[in-house]
């Protein structure tokens, strides 16, 4: 289980089985926002699908959906998930869809 402040060697396989799962994003203080994992994609632009020799993994991205407001600025946030534990991710808002605001984290 990852802890805040550590570098976790996540792979697409870490997230793919968790589609539809709830992730808690930790805001300032003890406030949290629930996000749902809605995409886990290994077809990143510029990626040939092969593992990077230096990193030992393929490039991939994950997309979370949260409430429309507040729109969170891009930065590193603490996350909590029942399966993955506590970890940090840099997320970027990529725009709303019919169900909420979407945020992307890119690995690779």
N, C-alpha and C. Protein backbone atom coordinates (compact mmCIF):
# COMPACT_ATOMS: atom_id res chain seq x y z
N UNK A 1 0.85 -1.18 0.00
CA UNK A 1 0.00 0.00 0.00
C UNK A 1 0.89 1.24 0.00
N UNK A 2 0.61 2.18 -0.88
CA UNK A 2 1.39 3.42 -0.97
C UNK A 2 1.01 4.35 0.17
N UNK A 3 1.94 5.19 0.55
CA UNK A 3 1.63 6.22 1.54
C UNK A 3 1.93 7.57 0.93
N UNK A 4 1.31 8.60 1.43
CA UNK A 4 1.54 9.94 0.93
C UNK A 4 3.02 10.25 0.97
N UNK A 5 3.51 10.85 -0.11
CA UNK A 5 4.89 11.25 -0.15
C UNK A 5 5.82 10.21 -0.76
N UNK A 6 5.30 9.02 -1.09
CA UNK A 6 6.15 8.02 -1.72
C UNK A 6 5.84 7.95 -3.20
N UNK A 7 6.80 7.44 -3.96
CA UNK A 7 6.60 7.26 -5.39
C UNK A 7 6.10 5.84 -5.61
N UNK A 8 4.93 5.70 -6.17
CA UNK A 8 4.32 4.40 -6.37
C UNK A 8 4.51 3.97 -7.82
N UNK A 9 4.97 2.76 -8.06
CA UNK A 9 5.17 2.29 -9.44
C UNK A 9 3.85 1.82 -10.07
N UNK A 10 2.91 2.73 -10.23
CA UNK A 10 1.63 2.35 -10.79
C UNK A 10 1.77 1.92 -12.25
N UNK A 11 0.91 1.01 -12.66
CA UNK A 11 0.80 0.59 -14.05
C UNK A 11 -0.68 0.66 -14.43
N UNK A 12 -0.95 0.47 -15.71
CA UNK A 12 -2.33 0.44 -16.16
C UNK A 12 -3.09 -0.66 -15.41
N UNK A 13 -2.43 -1.78 -15.15
CA UNK A 13 -3.06 -2.88 -14.44
C UNK A 13 -3.42 -2.52 -13.00
N UNK A 14 -2.77 -1.50 -12.43
CA UNK A 14 -3.11 -1.04 -11.08
C UNK A 14 -4.51 -0.42 -11.06
N UNK A 15 -4.87 0.28 -12.14
CA UNK A 15 -6.12 1.04 -12.17
C UNK A 15 -7.25 0.36 -12.94
N UNK A 16 -6.94 -0.40 -13.99
CA UNK A 16 -7.98 -0.96 -14.87
C UNK A 16 -9.06 -1.73 -14.11
N UNK A 17 -8.72 -2.55 -13.11
CA UNK A 17 -9.79 -3.28 -12.40
C UNK A 17 -10.63 -2.38 -11.50
N UNK A 18 -10.23 -1.13 -11.33
CA UNK A 18 -10.91 -0.23 -10.40
C UNK A 18 -11.87 0.74 -11.09
N UNK A 19 -12.12 0.54 -12.38
CA UNK A 19 -13.07 1.41 -13.08
C UNK A 19 -14.40 1.42 -12.33
N UNK A 20 -14.93 2.61 -12.09
CA UNK A 20 -16.17 2.76 -11.36
C UNK A 20 -15.99 2.89 -9.85
N UNK A 21 -14.76 2.68 -9.37
CA UNK A 21 -14.49 2.79 -7.93
C UNK A 21 -14.37 4.24 -7.48
N UNK A 22 -14.63 4.45 -6.20
CA UNK A 22 -14.55 5.77 -5.59
C UNK A 22 -13.13 6.01 -5.08
N UNK A 23 -12.63 7.20 -5.34
CA UNK A 23 -11.36 7.68 -4.82
C UNK A 23 -11.64 8.96 -4.06
N UNK A 24 -11.08 9.11 -2.89
CA UNK A 24 -11.24 10.35 -2.14
C UNK A 24 -10.03 11.23 -2.41
N UNK A 25 -10.28 12.45 -2.85
CA UNK A 25 -9.24 13.42 -3.08
C UNK A 25 -9.18 14.33 -1.87
N UNK A 26 -8.00 14.46 -1.29
CA UNK A 26 -7.82 15.23 -0.06
C UNK A 26 -7.54 16.69 -0.41
N UNK A 27 -8.39 17.58 0.10
CA UNK A 27 -8.20 19.02 -0.08
C UNK A 27 -7.51 19.59 1.14
N UNK A 28 -7.43 20.90 1.22
CA UNK A 28 -6.82 21.57 2.37
C UNK A 28 -7.54 21.14 3.65
N UNK A 29 -6.79 21.00 4.70
CA UNK A 29 -7.37 20.58 5.98
C UNK A 29 -7.85 19.15 5.88
N UNK A 30 -9.05 18.92 6.34
CA UNK A 30 -9.59 17.56 6.31
C UNK A 30 -10.70 17.39 5.28
N UNK A 31 -10.90 18.42 4.43
CA UNK A 31 -11.95 18.33 3.41
C UNK A 31 -11.56 17.32 2.34
N UNK A 32 -12.58 16.62 1.82
CA UNK A 32 -12.35 15.64 0.77
C UNK A 32 -13.45 15.76 -0.27
N UNK A 33 -13.11 15.35 -1.49
CA UNK A 33 -14.07 15.27 -2.59
C UNK A 33 -13.99 13.86 -3.14
N UNK A 34 -15.13 13.26 -3.39
CA UNK A 34 -15.16 11.94 -4.00
C UNK A 34 -15.05 12.05 -5.51
N UNK A 35 -14.14 11.27 -6.07
CA UNK A 35 -13.99 11.15 -7.51
C UNK A 35 -14.21 9.69 -7.88
N UNK A 36 -14.70 9.47 -9.08
CA UNK A 36 -14.92 8.12 -9.60
C UNK A 36 -13.95 7.90 -10.76
N UNK A 37 -13.27 6.76 -10.77
CA UNK A 37 -12.39 6.41 -11.88
C UNK A 37 -13.25 5.99 -13.06
N UNK A 38 -13.16 6.75 -14.17
CA UNK A 38 -14.03 6.48 -15.32
C UNK A 38 -13.27 5.98 -16.55
N UNK A 39 -11.95 6.16 -16.60
CA UNK A 39 -11.16 5.68 -17.72
C UNK A 39 -9.78 5.27 -17.24
N UNK A 40 -9.24 4.23 -17.85
CA UNK A 40 -7.85 3.82 -17.66
C UNK A 40 -7.38 3.38 -19.04
N UNK A 41 -6.51 4.18 -19.66
CA UNK A 41 -6.19 4.03 -21.08
C UNK A 41 -4.68 3.92 -21.29
N UNK A 42 -4.27 2.87 -21.98
CA UNK A 42 -2.85 2.68 -22.28
C UNK A 42 -2.45 3.19 -23.63
N UNK A 43 -3.36 3.76 -24.37
CA UNK A 43 -3.07 4.26 -25.72
C UNK A 43 -2.76 5.74 -25.69
N UNK A 44 -1.68 6.12 -25.04
CA UNK A 44 -1.29 7.52 -24.96
C UNK A 44 -0.70 7.97 -26.27
N UNK A 45 -1.00 9.20 -26.73
CA UNK A 45 -0.35 9.73 -27.93
C UNK A 45 1.16 9.71 -27.78
N UNK A 46 1.84 9.24 -28.83
CA UNK A 46 3.29 9.18 -28.80
C UNK A 46 3.82 7.93 -28.13
N UNK A 47 2.92 7.10 -27.61
CA UNK A 47 3.34 5.85 -26.99
C UNK A 47 3.16 4.72 -27.98
N UNK A 48 4.16 3.86 -28.09
CA UNK A 48 4.03 2.72 -28.98
C UNK A 48 3.49 1.50 -28.24
N UNK A 49 3.08 1.71 -26.99
CA UNK A 49 2.53 0.63 -26.20
C UNK A 49 3.60 -0.23 -25.55
N UNK A 50 4.86 0.07 -25.82
CA UNK A 50 5.97 -0.68 -25.24
C UNK A 50 6.39 -0.02 -23.94
N UNK A 51 6.88 -0.81 -23.03
CA UNK A 51 7.36 -0.28 -21.76
C UNK A 51 8.59 0.57 -22.01
N UNK A 52 8.67 1.68 -21.32
CA UNK A 52 9.84 2.55 -21.34
C UNK A 52 10.98 1.81 -20.65
N UNK A 53 12.10 1.65 -21.34
CA UNK A 53 13.21 0.88 -20.79
C UNK A 53 13.68 1.42 -19.45
N UNK A 54 13.67 2.74 -19.28
CA UNK A 54 14.12 3.33 -18.02
C UNK A 54 13.12 3.17 -16.91
N UNK A 55 11.84 3.26 -17.23
CA UNK A 55 10.82 3.21 -16.19
C UNK A 55 10.27 1.80 -15.99
N UNK A 56 10.40 0.94 -17.00
CA UNK A 56 9.90 -0.42 -16.87
C UNK A 56 8.39 -0.52 -16.98
N UNK A 57 7.74 0.48 -17.57
CA UNK A 57 6.29 0.42 -17.73
C UNK A 57 5.87 1.22 -18.95
N UNK A 58 4.67 0.95 -19.43
CA UNK A 58 4.12 1.67 -20.57
C UNK A 58 3.47 2.95 -20.12
N UNK A 59 3.36 3.92 -21.03
CA UNK A 59 2.64 5.15 -20.74
C UNK A 59 1.15 4.86 -20.70
N UNK A 60 0.46 5.53 -19.78
CA UNK A 60 -0.99 5.37 -19.69
C UNK A 60 -1.57 6.58 -18.98
N UNK A 61 -2.88 6.69 -19.02
CA UNK A 61 -3.56 7.77 -18.30
C UNK A 61 -4.79 7.21 -17.61
N UNK A 62 -5.21 7.94 -16.61
CA UNK A 62 -6.47 7.64 -15.93
C UNK A 62 -7.29 8.92 -15.86
N UNK A 63 -8.60 8.76 -15.93
CA UNK A 63 -9.51 9.90 -15.85
C UNK A 63 -10.49 9.65 -14.71
N UNK A 64 -10.63 10.67 -13.88
CA UNK A 64 -11.57 10.65 -12.77
C UNK A 64 -12.69 11.65 -13.06
N UNK A 65 -13.87 11.38 -12.52
CA UNK A 65 -14.97 12.33 -12.61
C UNK A 65 -15.39 12.73 -11.21
N UNK A 66 -15.59 14.05 -11.05
CA UNK A 66 -16.03 14.58 -9.78
C UNK A 66 -17.17 15.56 -9.99
N UNK A 67 -17.54 16.28 -8.95
CA UNK A 67 -18.61 17.28 -9.08
C UNK A 67 -18.18 18.42 -10.00
N UNK A 68 -19.17 19.10 -10.58
CA UNK A 68 -18.88 20.23 -11.46
C UNK A 68 -18.22 21.39 -10.71
N UNK A 69 -18.57 21.56 -9.46
CA UNK A 69 -18.00 22.63 -8.63
C UNK A 69 -17.54 22.05 -7.31
N UNK A 70 -16.44 22.48 -6.79
CA UNK A 70 -15.50 23.43 -7.38
C UNK A 70 -14.63 22.74 -8.43
N UNK A 71 -14.18 23.52 -9.42
CA UNK A 71 -13.22 23.00 -10.38
C UNK A 71 -11.84 23.10 -9.73
N UNK A 72 -11.18 21.98 -9.61
CA UNK A 72 -9.88 21.95 -8.93
C UNK A 72 -8.77 22.33 -9.89
N UNK A 73 -7.85 23.18 -9.49
CA UNK A 73 -6.73 23.54 -10.36
C UNK A 73 -5.75 22.37 -10.50
N UNK A 74 -5.00 22.38 -11.60
CA UNK A 74 -4.01 21.32 -11.77
C UNK A 74 -2.93 21.44 -10.71
N UNK A 75 -2.64 20.32 -10.07
CA UNK A 75 -1.58 20.24 -9.06
C UNK A 75 -1.57 18.83 -8.50
N UNK A 76 -0.66 18.60 -7.56
CA UNK A 76 -0.59 17.31 -6.89
C UNK A 76 -1.59 17.29 -5.74
N UNK A 77 -2.37 16.21 -5.67
CA UNK A 77 -3.34 16.02 -4.59
C UNK A 77 -3.09 14.67 -3.93
N UNK A 78 -3.45 14.59 -2.68
CA UNK A 78 -3.47 13.31 -1.99
C UNK A 78 -4.75 12.57 -2.35
N UNK A 79 -4.62 11.27 -2.59
CA UNK A 79 -5.75 10.41 -2.91
C UNK A 79 -5.82 9.27 -1.91
N UNK A 80 -7.03 8.77 -1.71
CA UNK A 80 -7.25 7.56 -0.91
C UNK A 80 -8.21 6.66 -1.67
N UNK A 81 -7.88 5.37 -1.65
CA UNK A 81 -8.74 4.37 -2.29
C UNK A 81 -8.64 3.09 -1.48
N UNK A 82 -9.75 2.39 -1.37
CA UNK A 82 -9.80 1.17 -0.57
C UNK A 82 -8.77 0.13 -1.03
N UNK A 83 -8.56 0.02 -2.32
CA UNK A 83 -7.63 -0.98 -2.86
C UNK A 83 -6.19 -0.49 -2.90
N UNK A 84 -5.97 0.75 -3.39
CA UNK A 84 -4.62 1.27 -3.58
C UNK A 84 -4.04 1.98 -2.36
N UNK A 85 -4.87 2.28 -1.40
CA UNK A 85 -4.39 2.98 -0.21
C UNK A 85 -4.28 4.47 -0.45
N UNK A 86 -3.30 5.10 0.20
CA UNK A 86 -3.08 6.55 0.09
C UNK A 86 -1.87 6.80 -0.81
N UNK A 87 -2.02 7.78 -1.70
CA UNK A 87 -0.95 8.11 -2.64
C UNK A 87 -1.19 9.51 -3.16
N UNK A 88 -0.23 10.05 -3.91
CA UNK A 88 -0.36 11.38 -4.51
C UNK A 88 -0.34 11.27 -6.02
N UNK A 89 -1.16 12.11 -6.67
CA UNK A 89 -1.20 12.19 -8.13
C UNK A 89 -1.27 13.64 -8.56
N UNK A 90 -0.62 13.93 -9.68
CA UNK A 90 -0.78 15.23 -10.34
C UNK A 90 -1.93 15.08 -11.31
N UNK A 91 -2.99 15.85 -11.10
CA UNK A 91 -4.15 15.80 -11.99
C UNK A 91 -4.37 17.15 -12.66
N UNK A 92 -5.00 17.07 -13.83
CA UNK A 92 -5.30 18.25 -14.63
C UNK A 92 -6.78 18.21 -14.99
N UNK A 93 -7.52 19.32 -14.79
CA UNK A 93 -8.92 19.33 -15.23
C UNK A 93 -8.96 19.30 -16.75
N UNK A 94 -9.75 18.39 -17.32
CA UNK A 94 -9.84 18.29 -18.78
C UNK A 94 -11.23 18.64 -19.29
N UNK A 95 -12.08 19.12 -18.42
CA UNK A 95 -13.37 19.62 -18.85
C UNK A 95 -14.53 18.76 -18.37
N UNK A 96 -15.71 19.35 -18.42
CA UNK A 96 -16.90 18.65 -17.95
C UNK A 96 -17.47 17.72 -19.02
N UNK A 97 -18.24 16.75 -18.56
CA UNK A 97 -19.10 15.98 -19.45
C UNK A 97 -20.50 16.08 -18.86
N UNK A 98 -21.40 15.25 -19.30
CA UNK A 98 -22.79 15.33 -18.83
C UNK A 98 -22.94 15.00 -17.35
N UNK A 99 -21.93 14.33 -16.77
CA UNK A 99 -22.06 13.86 -15.39
C UNK A 99 -21.16 14.55 -14.38
N UNK A 100 -20.27 15.45 -14.82
CA UNK A 100 -19.41 16.14 -13.87
C UNK A 100 -18.12 16.62 -14.51
N UNK A 101 -17.19 17.09 -13.68
CA UNK A 101 -15.89 17.56 -14.15
C UNK A 101 -14.93 16.38 -14.22
N UNK A 102 -14.14 16.33 -15.28
CA UNK A 102 -13.18 15.25 -15.47
C UNK A 102 -11.75 15.75 -15.22
N UNK A 103 -10.95 14.88 -14.63
CA UNK A 103 -9.56 15.17 -14.30
C UNK A 103 -8.69 14.01 -14.80
N UNK A 104 -7.54 14.35 -15.38
CA UNK A 104 -6.66 13.32 -15.93
C UNK A 104 -5.32 13.31 -15.21
N UNK A 105 -4.79 12.11 -15.01
CA UNK A 105 -3.42 11.90 -14.53
C UNK A 105 -2.72 11.06 -15.59
N UNK A 106 -1.52 11.49 -16.00
CA UNK A 106 -0.76 10.79 -17.03
C UNK A 106 0.48 10.16 -16.41
N UNK A 107 0.75 8.94 -16.75
CA UNK A 107 1.90 8.20 -16.25
C UNK A 107 2.78 7.82 -17.43
N UNK A 108 4.07 7.91 -17.25
CA UNK A 108 4.96 7.46 -18.32
C UNK A 108 5.98 8.44 -18.64
